[in-house]
């Protein structure tokens, strides 16, 4: 029984590590793609960049306002601030 539990724990650690490695590779590749678009692609001019940047900033502001509105007057919920950022 003890050996089975250690195998399950080892598998879960391996699964979590594999997920983290794959996520790191994904975001590394996304970073390269964004860099390429900024240097040579459609986002190389200021006029083409302004709309996506303002949209992203507006999205963050709206999510923060919703979080504050839902947690207003509830002192037991100050730790929920990061949740809107992770849900995107």
C-alpha atoms as a PDB file:
ATOM      1  CA  UNK A   1       0.000   0.000   0.000  1.00  0.00           C
ATOM      2  CA  UNK A   2       2.788   2.404   0.925  1.00  0.00           C
ATOM      3  CA  UNK A   3       4.578   1.700  -2.343  1.00  0.00           C
ATOM      4  CA  UNK A   4       1.393   2.465  -4.312  1.00  0.00           C
ATOM      5  CA  UNK A   5       0.959   5.800  -2.560  1.00  0.00           C
ATOM      6  CA  UNK A   6       4.559   6.790  -3.277  1.00  0.00           C
ATOM      7  CA  UNK A   7       4.087   5.860  -6.970  1.00  0.00           C
ATOM      8  CA  UNK A   8       0.930   7.973  -7.158  1.00  0.00           C
ATOM      9  CA  UNK A   9       2.660  10.921  -5.502  1.00  0.00           C
ATOM     10  CA  UNK A  10       5.608  10.545  -7.875  1.00  0.00           C
ATOM     11  CA  UNK A  11       3.275  10.462 -10.869  1.00  0.00           C
ATOM     12  CA  UNK A  12       1.451  13.585  -9.673  1.00  0.00           C
ATOM     13  CA  UNK A  13       4.759  15.411  -9.213  1.00  0.00           C
ATOM     14  CA  UNK A  14       5.847  14.324 -12.699  1.00  0.00           C
ATOM     15  CA  UNK A  15       2.506  15.405 -14.166  1.00  0.00           C
ATOM     16  CA  UNK A  16       2.719  18.819 -12.483  1.00  0.00           C
ATOM     17  CA  UNK A  17       6.322  19.272 -13.601  1.00  0.00           C
ATOM     18  CA  UNK A  18       5.444  18.332 -17.182  1.00  0.00           C
ATOM     19  CA  UNK A  19       2.591  20.835 -17.145  1.00  0.00           C
ATOM     20  CA  UNK A  20       4.868  23.587 -15.882  1.00  0.00           C
ATOM     21  CA  UNK A  21       7.517  22.802 -18.486  1.00  0.00           C
ATOM     22  CA  UNK A  22       4.971  22.791 -21.314  1.00  0.00           C
ATOM     23  CA  UNK A  23       3.477  26.057 -20.064  1.00  0.00           C
ATOM     24  CA  UNK A  24       6.946  27.658 -19.952  1.00  0.00           C
ATOM     25  CA  UNK A  25       7.640  26.520 -23.530  1.00  0.00           C
ATOM     26  CA  UNK A  26       4.261  27.842 -24.669  1.00  0.00           C
ATOM     27  CA  UNK A  27       4.797  31.307 -23.191  1.00  0.00           C
ATOM     28  CA  UNK A  28       8.385  31.374 -24.479  1.00  0.00           C
ATOM     29  CA  UNK A  29       7.072  30.754 -28.008  1.00  0.00           C
ATOM     30  CA  UNK A  30       4.281  33.303 -27.556  1.00  0.00           C
ATOM     31  CA  UNK A  31       6.893  35.854 -26.509  1.00  0.00           C
ATOM     32  CA  UNK A  32       8.887  35.183 -29.675  1.00  0.00           C
ATOM     33  CA  UNK A  33       5.758  35.520 -31.794  1.00  0.00           C
ATOM     34  CA  UNK A  34       4.864  38.860 -30.184  1.00  0.00           C
ATOM     35  CA  UNK A  35       8.436  40.092 -30.665  1.00  0.00           C
ATOM     36  CA  UNK A  36       8.331  39.106 -34.348  1.00  0.00           C
ATOM     37  CA  UNK A  37       5.010  40.887 -34.844  1.00  0.00           C
ATOM     38  CA  UNK A  38       6.339  44.027 -33.167  1.00  0.00           C
ATOM     39  CA  UNK A  39       9.586  44.082 -35.160  1.00  0.00           C
ATOM     40  CA  UNK A  40       8.415  42.992 -38.620  1.00  0.00           C
ATOM     41  CA  UNK A  41       4.716  42.175 -38.575  1.00  0.00           C
ATOM     42  CA  UNK A  42       1.390  43.935 -38.305  1.00  0.00           C
ATOM     43  CA  UNK A  43       2.265  45.520 -34.951  1.00  0.00           C
ATOM     44  CA  UNK A  44       5.374  47.304 -36.241  1.00  0.00           C
ATOM     45  CA  UNK A  45       3.665  50.686 -36.589  1.00  0.00           C
ATOM     46  CA  UNK A  46       2.290  52.743 -33.707  1.00  0.00           C
ATOM     47  CA  UNK A  47      -1.098  53.109 -35.406  1.00  0.00           C
ATOM     48  CA  UNK A  48      -1.563  49.340 -35.500  1.00  0.00           C
ATOM     49  CA  UNK A  49      -0.394  48.841 -31.891  1.00  0.00           C
ATOM     50  CA  UNK A  50      -2.575  51.417 -30.156  1.00  0.00           C
ATOM     51  CA  UNK A  51      -5.900  49.541 -30.403  1.00  0.00           C
ATOM     52  CA  UNK A  52      -4.697  46.183 -28.968  1.00  0.00           C
ATOM     53  CA  UNK A  53      -2.793  47.947 -26.165  1.00  0.00           C
ATOM     54  CA  UNK A  54      -5.755  50.137 -25.191  1.00  0.00           C
ATOM     55  CA  UNK A  55      -8.039  47.108 -25.367  1.00  0.00           C
ATOM     56  CA  UNK A  56      -5.798  45.118 -23.004  1.00  0.00           C
ATOM     57  CA  UNK A  57      -5.538  48.025 -20.556  1.00  0.00           C
ATOM     58  CA  UNK A  58      -9.303  48.569 -20.673  1.00  0.00           C
ATOM     59  CA  UNK A  59      -9.887  44.876 -20.003  1.00  0.00           C
ATOM     60  CA  UNK A  60      -7.674  44.986 -16.919  1.00  0.00           C
ATOM     61  CA  UNK A  61      -9.375  48.136 -15.626  1.00  0.00           C
ATOM     62  CA  UNK A  62     -12.875  46.709 -16.108  1.00  0.00           C
ATOM     63  CA  UNK A  63     -11.921  43.450 -14.359  1.00  0.00           C
ATOM     64  CA  UNK A  64     -10.409  45.374 -11.452  1.00  0.00           C
ATOM     65  CA  UNK A  65     -13.554  47.511 -11.145  1.00  0.00           C
ATOM     66  CA  UNK A  66     -15.755  44.398 -11.118  1.00  0.00           C
ATOM     67  CA  UNK A  67     -13.575  42.822  -8.439  1.00  0.00           C
ATOM     68  CA  UNK A  68     -13.704  45.947  -6.281  1.00  0.00           C
ATOM     69  CA  UNK A  69     -17.469  46.269  -6.777  1.00  0.00           C
ATOM     70  CA  UNK A  70     -18.096  42.672  -5.746  1.00  0.00           C
ATOM     71  CA  UNK A  71     -15.803  42.861  -2.710  1.00  0.00           C
ATOM     72  CA  UNK A  72     -16.789  46.344  -1.551  1.00  0.00           C
ATOM     73  CA  UNK A  73     -17.655  46.261   2.129  1.00  0.00           C
ATOM     74  CA  UNK A  74     -16.564  42.641   2.583  1.00  0.00           C
ATOM     75  CA  UNK A  75     -13.345  42.672   4.637  1.00  0.00           C
ATOM     76  CA  UNK A  76     -13.070  38.881   4.475  1.00  0.00           C
ATOM     77  CA  UNK A  77     -12.484  38.938   0.681  1.00  0.00           C
ATOM     78  CA  UNK A  78      -9.307  41.005   0.127  1.00  0.00           C
ATOM     79  CA  UNK A  79      -7.428  37.987  -1.245  1.00  0.00           C
ATOM     80  CA  UNK A  80      -9.659  37.707  -4.319  1.00  0.00           C
ATOM     81  CA  UNK A  81      -7.842  40.532  -6.103  1.00  0.00           C
ATOM     82  CA  UNK A  82      -5.681  38.225  -8.252  1.00  0.00           C
ATOM     83  CA  UNK A  83      -8.571  36.093  -9.470  1.00  0.00           C
ATOM     84  CA  UNK A  84      -9.733  38.375 -12.310  1.00  0.00           C
ATOM     85  CA  UNK A  85      -6.211  38.455 -13.703  1.00  0.00           C
ATOM     86  CA  UNK A  86      -5.884  34.648 -13.715  1.00  0.00           C
ATOM     87  CA  UNK A  87      -9.271  34.045 -15.303  1.00  0.00           C
ATOM     88  CA  UNK A  88      -8.215  35.573 -18.635  1.00  0.00           C
END
